[in-house]
mmCIF file of all heavy atoms, coordinates in Angstrom:
data_MODEL
# 
_entry.id   MODEL 
# 
loop_
_atom_site.group_PDB 
_atom_site.id 
_atom_site.type_symbol 
_atom_site.label_atom_id 
_atom_site.label_alt_id 
_atom_site.label_comp_id 
_atom_site.label_asym_id 
_atom_site.label_entity_id 
_atom_site.label_seq_id 
_atom_site.pdbx_PDB_ins_code 
_atom_site.Cartn_x 
_atom_site.Cartn_y 
_atom_site.Cartn_z 
_atom_site.occupancy 
_atom_site.B_iso_or_equiv 
_atom_site.pdbx_formal_charge 
_atom_site.auth_seq_id 
_atom_site.auth_comp_id 
_atom_site.auth_asym_id 
_atom_site.auth_atom_id 
_atom_site.pdbx_PDB_model_num 
ATOM 1   N N   . MET A 1 1  ? 2.620   9.732  8.740   1.00 0.00 ? 1  MET A N   1 
ATOM 2   C CA  . MET A 1 1  ? 3.154   8.643  7.941   1.00 0.00 ? 1  MET A CA  1 
ATOM 3   C C   . MET A 1 1  ? 2.037   7.819  7.295   1.00 0.00 ? 1  MET A C   1 
ATOM 4   O O   . MET A 1 1  ? 2.149   7.386  6.142   1.00 0.00 ? 1  MET A O   1 
ATOM 5   C CB  . MET A 1 1  ? 4.040   7.750  8.805   1.00 0.00 ? 1  MET A CB  1 
ATOM 6   C CG  . MET A 1 1  ? 5.251   8.470  9.406   1.00 0.00 ? 1  MET A CG  1 
ATOM 7   S SD  . MET A 1 1  ? 6.280   9.288  8.165   1.00 0.00 ? 1  MET A SD  1 
ATOM 8   C CE  . MET A 1 1  ? 6.941   7.871  7.298   1.00 0.00 ? 1  MET A CE  1 
ATOM 9   N N   . VAL A 1 2  ? 0.949   7.617  8.029   1.00 0.00 ? 2  VAL A N   1 
ATOM 10  C CA  . VAL A 1 2  ? -0.197  6.898  7.477   1.00 0.00 ? 2  VAL A CA  1 
ATOM 11  C C   . VAL A 1 2  ? -0.770  7.669  6.291   1.00 0.00 ? 2  VAL A C   1 
ATOM 12  O O   . VAL A 1 2  ? -1.120  7.096  5.260   1.00 0.00 ? 2  VAL A O   1 
ATOM 13  C CB  . VAL A 1 2  ? -1.270  6.665  8.555   1.00 0.00 ? 2  VAL A CB  1 
ATOM 14  C CG1 . VAL A 1 2  ? -2.569  6.159  7.929   1.00 0.00 ? 2  VAL A CG1 1 
ATOM 15  C CG2 . VAL A 1 2  ? -0.767  5.664  9.587   1.00 0.00 ? 2  VAL A CG2 1 
ATOM 16  N N   . SER A 1 3  ? -0.860  8.983  6.422   1.00 0.00 ? 3  SER A N   1 
ATOM 17  C CA  . SER A 1 3  ? -1.381  9.813  5.338   1.00 0.00 ? 3  SER A CA  1 
ATOM 18  C C   . SER A 1 3  ? -0.520  9.687  4.084   1.00 0.00 ? 3  SER A C   1 
ATOM 19  O O   . SER A 1 3  ? -1.035  9.677  2.965   1.00 0.00 ? 3  SER A O   1 
ATOM 20  C CB  . SER A 1 3  ? -1.456  11.279 5.778   1.00 0.00 ? 3  SER A CB  1 
ATOM 21  O OG  . SER A 1 3  ? -2.417  11.449 6.790   1.00 0.00 ? 3  SER A OG  1 
ATOM 22  N N   . LYS A 1 4  ? 0.801   9.580  4.275   1.00 0.00 ? 4  LYS A N   1 
ATOM 23  C CA  . LYS A 1 4  ? 1.691   9.430  3.119   1.00 0.00 ? 4  LYS A CA  1 
ATOM 24  C C   . LYS A 1 4  ? 1.445   8.111  2.397   1.00 0.00 ? 4  LYS A C   1 
ATOM 25  O O   . LYS A 1 4  ? 1.413   8.054  1.167   1.00 0.00 ? 4  LYS A O   1 
ATOM 26  C CB  . LYS A 1 4  ? 3.156   9.506  3.571   1.00 0.00 ? 4  LYS A CB  1 
ATOM 27  C CG  . LYS A 1 4  ? 3.597   10.896 3.991   1.00 0.00 ? 4  LYS A CG  1 
ATOM 28  C CD  . LYS A 1 4  ? 5.082   10.913 4.320   1.00 0.00 ? 4  LYS A CD  1 
ATOM 29  C CE  . LYS A 1 4  ? 5.536   12.313 4.693   1.00 0.00 ? 4  LYS A CE  1 
ATOM 30  N NZ  . LYS A 1 4  ? 6.990   12.362 4.954   1.00 0.00 ? 4  LYS A NZ  1 
ATOM 31  N N   . VAL A 1 5  ? 1.262   7.036  3.179   1.00 0.00 ? 5  VAL A N   1 
ATOM 32  C CA  . VAL A 1 5  ? 0.995   5.731  2.564   1.00 0.00 ? 5  VAL A CA  1 
ATOM 33  C C   . VAL A 1 5  ? -0.324  5.765  1.805   1.00 0.00 ? 5  VAL A C   1 
ATOM 34  O O   . VAL A 1 5  ? -0.430  5.295  0.668   1.00 0.00 ? 5  VAL A O   1 
ATOM 35  C CB  . VAL A 1 5  ? 0.974   4.619  3.628   1.00 0.00 ? 5  VAL A CB  1 
ATOM 36  C CG1 . VAL A 1 5  ? 0.521   3.299  3.016   1.00 0.00 ? 5  VAL A CG1 1 
ATOM 37  C CG2 . VAL A 1 5  ? 2.352   4.464  4.258   1.00 0.00 ? 5  VAL A CG2 1 
ATOM 38  N N   . LEU A 1 6  ? -1.357  6.341  2.430   1.00 0.00 ? 6  LEU A N   1 
ATOM 39  C CA  . LEU A 1 6  ? -2.670  6.403  1.791   1.00 0.00 ? 6  LEU A CA  1 
ATOM 40  C C   . LEU A 1 6  ? -2.644  7.276  0.545   1.00 0.00 ? 6  LEU A C   1 
ATOM 41  O O   . LEU A 1 6  ? -3.305  6.967  -0.457  1.00 0.00 ? 6  LEU A O   1 
ATOM 42  C CB  . LEU A 1 6  ? -3.710  6.926  2.784   1.00 0.00 ? 6  LEU A CB  1 
ATOM 43  C CG  . LEU A 1 6  ? -4.019  6.010  3.970   1.00 0.00 ? 6  LEU A CG  1 
ATOM 44  C CD1 . LEU A 1 6  ? -4.930  6.719  4.965   1.00 0.00 ? 6  LEU A CD1 1 
ATOM 45  C CD2 . LEU A 1 6  ? -4.646  4.708  3.509   1.00 0.00 ? 6  LEU A CD2 1 
ATOM 46  N N   . ALA A 1 7  ? -1.891  8.372  0.609   1.00 0.00 ? 7  ALA A N   1 
ATOM 47  C CA  . ALA A 1 7  ? -1.802  9.254  -0.558  1.00 0.00 ? 7  ALA A CA  1 
ATOM 48  C C   . ALA A 1 7  ? -1.125  8.537  -1.722  1.00 0.00 ? 7  ALA A C   1 
ATOM 49  O O   . ALA A 1 7  ? -1.543  8.662  -2.881  1.00 0.00 ? 7  ALA A O   1 
ATOM 50  C CB  . ALA A 1 7  ? -1.029  10.522 -0.192  1.00 0.00 ? 7  ALA A CB  1 
ATOM 51  N N   . LYS A 1 8  ? -0.080  7.765  -1.415  1.00 0.00 ? 8  LYS A N   1 
ATOM 52  C CA  . LYS A 1 8  ? 0.606   7.009  -2.466  1.00 0.00 ? 8  LYS A CA  1 
ATOM 53  C C   . LYS A 1 8  ? -0.320  5.957  -3.066  1.00 0.00 ? 8  LYS A C   1 
ATOM 54  O O   . LYS A 1 8  ? -0.375  5.780  -4.291  1.00 0.00 ? 8  LYS A O   1 
ATOM 55  C CB  . LYS A 1 8  ? 1.850   6.338  -1.884  1.00 0.00 ? 8  LYS A CB  1 
ATOM 56  C CG  . LYS A 1 8  ? 2.625   5.528  -2.917  1.00 0.00 ? 8  LYS A CG  1 
ATOM 57  C CD  . LYS A 1 8  ? 3.836   4.877  -2.293  1.00 0.00 ? 8  LYS A CD  1 
ATOM 58  C CE  . LYS A 1 8  ? 4.556   4.014  -3.322  1.00 0.00 ? 8  LYS A CE  1 
ATOM 59  N NZ  . LYS A 1 8  ? 5.738   3.332  -2.757  1.00 0.00 ? 8  LYS A NZ  1 
ATOM 60  N N   . GLU A 1 9  ? -1.071  5.268  -2.205  1.00 0.00 ? 9  GLU A N   1 
ATOM 61  C CA  . GLU A 1 9  ? -2.011  4.259  -2.698  1.00 0.00 ? 9  GLU A CA  1 
ATOM 62  C C   . GLU A 1 9  ? -3.099  4.894  -3.550  1.00 0.00 ? 9  GLU A C   1 
ATOM 63  O O   . GLU A 1 9  ? -3.560  4.310  -4.525  1.00 0.00 ? 9  GLU A O   1 
ATOM 64  C CB  . GLU A 1 9  ? -2.628  3.509  -1.521  1.00 0.00 ? 9  GLU A CB  1 
ATOM 65  C CG  . GLU A 1 9  ? -1.642  2.592  -0.812  1.00 0.00 ? 9  GLU A CG  1 
ATOM 66  C CD  . GLU A 1 9  ? -2.276  1.825  0.334   1.00 0.00 ? 9  GLU A CD  1 
ATOM 67  O OE1 . GLU A 1 9  ? -3.435  2.145  0.691   1.00 0.00 ? 9  GLU A OE1 1 
ATOM 68  O OE2 . GLU A 1 9  ? -1.631  0.910  0.871   1.00 0.00 ? 9  GLU A OE2 1 
ATOM 69  N N   . SER A 1 10 ? -3.502  6.106  -3.162  1.00 0.00 ? 10 SER A N   1 
ATOM 70  C CA  . SER A 1 10 ? -4.536  6.804  -3.927  1.00 0.00 ? 10 SER A CA  1 
ATOM 71  C C   . SER A 1 10 ? -4.061  7.071  -5.351  1.00 0.00 ? 10 SER A C   1 
ATOM 72  O O   . SER A 1 10 ? -4.821  6.940  -6.310  1.00 0.00 ? 10 SER A O   1 
ATOM 73  C CB  . SER A 1 10 ? -4.904  8.118  -3.229  1.00 0.00 ? 10 SER A CB  1 
ATOM 74  O OG  . SER A 1 10 ? -5.874  8.819  -3.970  1.00 0.00 ? 10 SER A OG  1 
ATOM 75  N N   . ARG A 1 11 ? -2.787  7.434  -5.497  1.00 0.00 ? 11 ARG A N   1 
ATOM 76  C CA  . ARG A 1 11 ? -2.239  7.700  -6.826  1.00 0.00 ? 11 ARG A CA  1 
ATOM 77  C C   . ARG A 1 11 ? -2.131  6.426  -7.656  1.00 0.00 ? 11 ARG A C   1 
ATOM 78  O O   . ARG A 1 11 ? -2.091  6.477  -8.888  1.00 0.00 ? 11 ARG A O   1 
ATOM 79  C CB  . ARG A 1 11 ? -0.854  8.355  -6.695  1.00 0.00 ? 11 ARG A CB  1 
ATOM 80  C CG  . ARG A 1 11 ? -0.879  9.749  -6.096  1.00 0.00 ? 11 ARG A CG  1 
ATOM 81  C CD  . ARG A 1 11 ? 0.462   10.435 -6.269  1.00 0.00 ? 11 ARG A CD  1 
ATOM 82  N NE  . ARG A 1 11 ? 1.518   9.755  -5.538  1.00 0.00 ? 11 ARG A NE  1 
ATOM 83  C CZ  . ARG A 1 11 ? 1.845   10.021 -4.279  1.00 0.00 ? 11 ARG A CZ  1 
ATOM 84  N NH1 . ARG A 1 11 ? 1.179   10.941 -3.607  1.00 0.00 ? 11 ARG A NH1 1 
ATOM 85  N NH2 . ARG A 1 11 ? 2.836   9.378  -3.684  1.00 0.00 ? 11 ARG A NH2 1 
ATOM 86  N N   . GLN A 1 12 ? -2.070  5.271  -6.964  1.00 0.00 ? 12 GLN A N   1 
ATOM 87  C CA  . GLN A 1 12 ? -1.889  4.003  -7.661  1.00 0.00 ? 12 GLN A CA  1 
ATOM 88  C C   . GLN A 1 12 ? -3.196  3.261  -7.883  1.00 0.00 ? 12 GLN A C   1 
ATOM 89  O O   . GLN A 1 12 ? -3.205  2.148  -8.376  1.00 0.00 ? 12 GLN A O   1 
ATOM 90  C CB  . GLN A 1 12 ? -0.940  3.102  -6.850  1.00 0.00 ? 12 GLN A CB  1 
ATOM 91  C CG  . GLN A 1 12 ? 0.472   3.655  -6.732  1.00 0.00 ? 12 GLN A CG  1 
ATOM 92  C CD  . GLN A 1 12 ? 1.338   2.777  -5.842  1.00 0.00 ? 12 GLN A CD  1 
ATOM 93  O OE1 . GLN A 1 12 ? 0.843   2.052  -4.980  1.00 0.00 ? 12 GLN A OE1 1 
ATOM 94  N NE2 . GLN A 1 12 ? 2.634   2.846  -6.043  1.00 0.00 ? 12 GLN A NE2 1 
ATOM 95  N N   . ARG A 1 13 ? -4.299  3.852  -7.507  1.00 0.00 ? 13 ARG A N   1 
ATOM 96  C CA  . ARG A 1 13 ? -5.557  3.118  -7.580  1.00 0.00 ? 13 ARG A CA  1 
ATOM 97  C C   . ARG A 1 13 ? -6.014  2.878  -9.010  1.00 0.00 ? 13 ARG A C   1 
ATOM 98  O O   . ARG A 1 13 ? -5.628  3.554  -9.940  1.00 0.00 ? 13 ARG A O   1 
ATOM 99  C CB  . ARG A 1 13 ? -6.640  3.858  -6.790  1.00 0.00 ? 13 ARG A CB  1 
ATOM 100 C CG  . ARG A 1 13 ? -6.433  3.680  -5.289  1.00 0.00 ? 13 ARG A CG  1 
ATOM 101 C CD  . ARG A 1 13 ? -7.469  4.415  -4.497  1.00 0.00 ? 13 ARG A CD  1 
ATOM 102 N NE  . ARG A 1 13 ? -7.026  4.478  -3.103  1.00 0.00 ? 13 ARG A NE  1 
ATOM 103 C CZ  . ARG A 1 13 ? -7.460  5.357  -2.231  1.00 0.00 ? 13 ARG A CZ  1 
ATOM 104 N NH1 . ARG A 1 13 ? -8.350  6.247  -2.588  1.00 0.00 ? 13 ARG A NH1 1 
ATOM 105 N NH2 . ARG A 1 13 ? -7.017  5.345  -0.999  1.00 0.00 ? 13 ARG A NH2 1 
ATOM 106 N N   . SER A 1 14 ? -6.890  1.911  -9.115  1.00 0.00 ? 14 SER A N   1 
ATOM 107 C CA  . SER A 1 14 ? -7.378  1.496  -10.426 1.00 0.00 ? 14 SER A CA  1 
ATOM 108 C C   . SER A 1 14 ? -8.430  2.454  -10.973 1.00 0.00 ? 14 SER A C   1 
ATOM 109 O O   . SER A 1 14 ? -8.950  3.295  -10.241 1.00 0.00 ? 14 SER A O   1 
ATOM 110 C CB  . SER A 1 14 ? -7.970  0.088  -10.322 1.00 0.00 ? 14 SER A CB  1 
ATOM 111 O OG  . SER A 1 14 ? -6.965  -0.840 -10.013 1.00 0.00 ? 14 SER A OG  1 
ATOM 112 N N   . PRO A 1 15 ? -8.748  2.324  -12.259 1.00 0.00 ? 15 PRO A N   1 
ATOM 113 C CA  . PRO A 1 15 ? -9.758  3.194  -12.873 1.00 0.00 ? 15 PRO A CA  1 
ATOM 114 C C   . PRO A 1 15 ? -11.085 3.157  -12.120 1.00 0.00 ? 15 PRO A C   1 
ATOM 115 O O   . PRO A 1 15 ? -11.458 2.127  -11.558 1.00 0.00 ? 15 PRO A O   1 
ATOM 116 C CB  . PRO A 1 15 ? -9.902  2.606  -14.281 1.00 0.00 ? 15 PRO A CB  1 
ATOM 117 C CG  . PRO A 1 15 ? -8.611  1.928  -14.539 1.00 0.00 ? 15 PRO A CG  1 
ATOM 118 C CD  . PRO A 1 15 ? -8.177  1.375  -13.224 1.00 0.00 ? 15 PRO A CD  1 
ATOM 119 N N   . ASP A 1 16 ? -11.779 4.282  -12.132 1.00 0.00 ? 16 ASP A N   1 
ATOM 120 C CA  . ASP A 1 16 ? -13.015 4.390  -11.363 1.00 0.00 ? 16 ASP A CA  1 
ATOM 121 C C   . ASP A 1 16 ? -14.254 4.157  -12.222 1.00 0.00 ? 16 ASP A C   1 
ATOM 122 O O   . ASP A 1 16 ? -15.199 3.514  -11.791 1.00 0.00 ? 16 ASP A O   1 
ATOM 123 C CB  . ASP A 1 16 ? -13.096 5.767  -10.704 1.00 0.00 ? 16 ASP A CB  1 
ATOM 124 C CG  . ASP A 1 16 ? -14.228 5.845  -9.694  1.00 0.00 ? 16 ASP A CG  1 
ATOM 125 O OD1 . ASP A 1 16 ? -14.211 5.056  -8.731  1.00 0.00 ? 16 ASP A OD1 1 
ATOM 126 O OD2 . ASP A 1 16 ? -15.131 6.688  -9.870  1.00 0.00 ? 16 ASP A OD2 1 
ATOM 127 N N   . SER A 1 17 ? -14.253 4.661  -13.438 1.00 0.00 ? 17 SER A N   1 
ATOM 128 C CA  . SER A 1 17 ? -15.444 4.564  -14.281 1.00 0.00 ? 17 SER A CA  1 
ATOM 129 C C   . SER A 1 17 ? -15.487 3.232  -15.021 1.00 0.00 ? 17 SER A C   1 
ATOM 130 O O   . SER A 1 17 ? -14.459 2.565  -15.218 1.00 0.00 ? 17 SER A O   1 
ATOM 131 C CB  . SER A 1 17 ? -15.461 5.706  -15.298 1.00 0.00 ? 17 SER A CB  1 
ATOM 132 O OG  . SER A 1 17 ? -14.422 5.543  -16.247 1.00 0.00 ? 17 SER A OG  1 
ATOM 133 N N   . GLU A 1 18 ? -16.679 2.846  -15.464 1.00 0.00 ? 18 GLU A N   1 
ATOM 134 C CA  . GLU A 1 18 ? -16.838 1.589  -16.199 1.00 0.00 ? 18 GLU A CA  1 
ATOM 135 C C   . GLU A 1 18 ? -16.056 1.580  -17.512 1.00 0.00 ? 18 GLU A C   1 
ATOM 136 O O   . GLU A 1 18 ? -15.422 0.572  -17.837 1.00 0.00 ? 18 GLU A O   1 
ATOM 137 C CB  . GLU A 1 18 ? -18.324 1.304  -16.427 1.00 0.00 ? 18 GLU A CB  1 
ATOM 138 C CG  . GLU A 1 18 ? -19.059 0.968  -15.141 1.00 0.00 ? 18 GLU A CG  1 
ATOM 139 C CD  . GLU A 1 18 ? -20.494 0.534  -15.379 1.00 0.00 ? 18 GLU A CD  1 
ATOM 140 O OE1 . GLU A 1 18 ? -20.786 0.059  -16.497 1.00 0.00 ? 18 GLU A OE1 1 
ATOM 141 O OE2 . GLU A 1 18 ? -21.312 0.663  -14.454 1.00 0.00 ? 18 GLU A OE2 1 
ATOM 142 N N   . PRO A 1 19 ? -16.068 2.661  -18.303 1.00 0.00 ? 19 PRO A N   1 
ATOM 143 C CA  . PRO A 1 19 ? -15.252 2.651  -19.531 1.00 0.00 ? 19 PRO A CA  1 
ATOM 144 C C   . PRO A 1 19 ? -13.762 2.463  -19.231 1.00 0.00 ? 19 PRO A C   1 
ATOM 145 O O   . PRO A 1 19 ? -13.067 1.748  -19.958 1.00 0.00 ? 19 PRO A O   1 
ATOM 146 C CB  . PRO A 1 19 ? -15.528 4.025  -20.147 1.00 0.00 ? 19 PRO A CB  1 
ATOM 147 C CG  . PRO A 1 19 ? -16.881 4.395  -19.635 1.00 0.00 ? 19 PRO A CG  1 
ATOM 148 C CD  . PRO A 1 19 ? -16.925 3.877  -18.231 1.00 0.00 ? 19 PRO A CD  1 
ATOM 149 N N   . ASP A 1 20 ? -13.269 3.097  -18.153 1.00 0.00 ? 20 ASP A N   1 
ATOM 150 C CA  . ASP A 1 20 ? -11.856 2.941  -17.809 1.00 0.00 ? 20 ASP A CA  1 
ATOM 151 C C   . ASP A 1 20 ? -11.557 1.527  -17.326 1.00 0.00 ? 20 ASP A C   1 
ATOM 152 O O   . ASP A 1 20 ? -10.494 0.967  -17.623 1.00 0.00 ? 20 ASP A O   1 
ATOM 153 C CB  . ASP A 1 20 ? -11.462 3.952  -16.727 1.00 0.00 ? 20 ASP A CB  1 
ATOM 154 C CG  . ASP A 1 20 ? -11.371 5.373  -17.257 1.00 0.00 ? 20 ASP A CG  1 
ATOM 155 O OD1 . ASP A 1 20 ? -11.259 5.529  -18.487 1.00 0.00 ? 20 ASP A OD1 1 
ATOM 156 O OD2 . ASP A 1 20 ? -11.409 6.315  -16.452 1.00 0.00 ? 20 ASP A OD2 1 
ATOM 157 N N   . LEU A 1 21 ? -12.477 0.941  -16.571 1.00 0.00 ? 21 LEU A N   1 
ATOM 158 C CA  . LEU A 1 21 ? -12.304 -0.446 -16.139 1.00 0.00 ? 21 LEU A CA  1 
ATOM 159 C C   . LEU A 1 21 ? -12.270 -1.390 -17.341 1.00 0.00 ? 21 LEU A C   1 
ATOM 160 O O   . LEU A 1 21 ? -11.475 -2.335 -17.385 1.00 0.00 ? 21 LEU A O   1 
ATOM 161 C CB  . LEU A 1 21 ? -13.430 -0.853 -15.195 1.00 0.00 ? 21 LEU A CB  1 
ATOM 162 C CG  . LEU A 1 21 ? -13.352 -0.343 -13.755 1.00 0.00 ? 21 LEU A CG  1 
ATOM 163 C CD1 . LEU A 1 21 ? -14.657 -0.635 -13.028 1.00 0.00 ? 21 LEU A CD1 1 
ATOM 164 C CD2 . LEU A 1 21 ? -12.178 -0.978 -13.012 1.00 0.00 ? 21 LEU A CD2 1 
ATOM 165 N N   . LEU A 1 22 ? -13.121 -1.119 -18.314 1.00 0.00 ? 22 LEU A N   1 
ATOM 166 C CA  . LEU A 1 22 ? -13.166 -1.957 -19.509 1.00 0.00 ? 22 LEU A CA  1 
ATOM 167 C C   . LEU A 1 22 ? -11.865 -1.834 -20.301 1.00 0.00 ? 22 LEU A C   1 
ATOM 168 O O   . LEU A 1 22 ? -11.336 -2.830 -20.810 1.00 0.00 ? 22 LEU A O   1 
ATOM 169 C CB  . LEU A 1 22 ? -14.363 -1.561 -20.377 1.00 0.00 ? 22 LEU A CB  1 
ATOM 170 C CG  . LEU A 1 22 ? -14.833 -2.561 -21.435 1.00 0.00 ? 22 LEU A CG  1 
ATOM 171 C CD1 . LEU A 1 22 ? -15.185 -3.904 -20.793 1.00 0.00 ? 22 LEU A CD1 1 
ATOM 172 C CD2 . LEU A 1 22 ? -16.020 -1.997 -22.190 1.00 0.00 ? 22 LEU A CD2 1 
ATOM 173 N N   . ARG A 1 23 ? -11.330 -0.621 -20.368 1.00 0.00 ? 23 ARG A N   1 
ATOM 174 C CA  . ARG A 1 23 ? -10.057 -0.427 -21.065 1.00 0.00 ? 23 ARG A CA  1 
ATOM 175 C C   . ARG A 1 23 ? -8.931  -1.168 -20.347 1.00 0.00 ? 23 ARG A C   1 
ATOM 176 O O   . ARG A 1 23 ? -8.069  -1.783 -20.986 1.00 0.00 ? 23 ARG A O   1 
ATOM 177 C CB  . ARG A 1 23 ? -9.729  1.067  -21.175 1.00 0.00 ? 23 ARG A CB  1 
ATOM 178 C CG  . ARG A 1 23 ? -10.415 1.766  -22.337 1.00 0.00 ? 23 ARG A CG  1 
ATOM 179 C CD  . ARG A 1 23 ? -9.828  3.136  -22.587 1.00 0.00 ? 23 ARG A CD  1 
ATOM 180 N NE  . ARG A 1 23 ? -10.131 4.065  -21.490 1.00 0.00 ? 23 ARG A NE  1 
ATOM 181 C CZ  . ARG A 1 23 ? -11.227 4.820  -21.445 1.00 0.00 ? 23 ARG A CZ  1 
ATOM 182 N NH1 . ARG A 1 23 ? -12.127 4.737  -22.421 1.00 0.00 ? 23 ARG A NH1 1 
ATOM 183 N NH2 . ARG A 1 23 ? -11.434 5.638  -20.448 1.00 0.00 ? 23 ARG A NH2 1 
ATOM 184 N N   . ARG A 1 24 ? -8.959  -1.100 -19.012 1.00 0.00 ? 24 ARG A N   1 
ATOM 185 C CA  . ARG A 1 24 ? -7.911  -1.798 -18.247 1.00 0.00 ? 24 ARG A CA  1 
ATOM 186 C C   . ARG A 1 24 ? -8.038  -3.312 -18.436 1.00 0.00 ? 24 ARG A C   1 
ATOM 187 O O   . ARG A 1 24 ? -7.025  -4.006 -18.551 1.00 0.00 ? 24 ARG A O   1 
ATOM 188 C CB  . ARG A 1 24 ? -8.019  -1.442 -16.766 1.00 0.00 ? 24 ARG A CB  1 
ATOM 189 C CG  . ARG A 1 24 ? -6.921  -2.057 -15.894 1.00 0.00 ? 24 ARG A CG  1 
ATOM 190 C CD  . ARG A 1 24 ? -5.550  -1.695 -16.429 1.00 0.00 ? 24 ARG A CD  1 
ATOM 191 N NE  . ARG A 1 24 ? -4.469  -2.343 -15.717 1.00 0.00 ? 24 ARG A NE  1 
ATOM 192 C CZ  . ARG A 1 24 ? -3.284  -2.589 -16.245 1.00 0.00 ? 24 ARG A CZ  1 
ATOM 193 N NH1 . ARG A 1 24 ? -3.022  -2.248 -17.500 1.00 0.00 ? 24 ARG A NH1 1 
ATOM 194 N NH2 . ARG A 1 24 ? -2.338  -3.183 -15.536 1.00 0.00 ? 24 ARG A NH2 1 
ATOM 195 N N   . ALA A 1 25 ? -9.254  -3.810 -18.491 1.00 0.00 ? 25 ALA A N   1 
ATOM 196 C CA  . ALA A 1 25 ? -9.461  -5.235 -18.719 1.00 0.00 ? 25 ALA A CA  1 
ATOM 197 C C   . ALA A 1 25 ? -8.876  -5.647 -20.067 1.00 0.00 ? 25 ALA A C   1 
ATOM 198 O O   . ALA A 1 25 ? -8.243  -6.709 -20.188 1.00 0.00 ? 25 ALA A O   1 
ATOM 199 C CB  . ALA A 1 25 ? -10.946 -5.567 -18.656 1.00 0.00 ? 25 ALA A CB  1 
ATOM 200 N N   . ALA A 1 26 ? -9.082  -4.809 -21.080 1.00 0.00 ? 26 ALA A N   1 
ATOM 201 C CA  . ALA A 1 26 ? -8.550  -5.113 -22.411 1.00 0.00 ? 26 ALA A CA  1 
ATOM 202 C C   . ALA A 1 26 ? -7.025  -5.138 -22.391 1.00 0.00 ? 26 ALA A C   1 
ATOM 203 O O   . ALA A 1 26 ? -6.390  -5.996 -23.029 1.00 0.00 ? 26 ALA A O   1 
ATOM 204 C CB  . ALA A 1 26 ? -9.057  -4.080 -23.422 1.00 0.00 ? 26 ALA A CB  1 
# 
């Protein structure tokens, strides 16, 4: 059950790279 929660959170995580973070900020 913990693995399921973590897997779902992984799919919902924020952008990893700086260009993607900048796009999300915009």
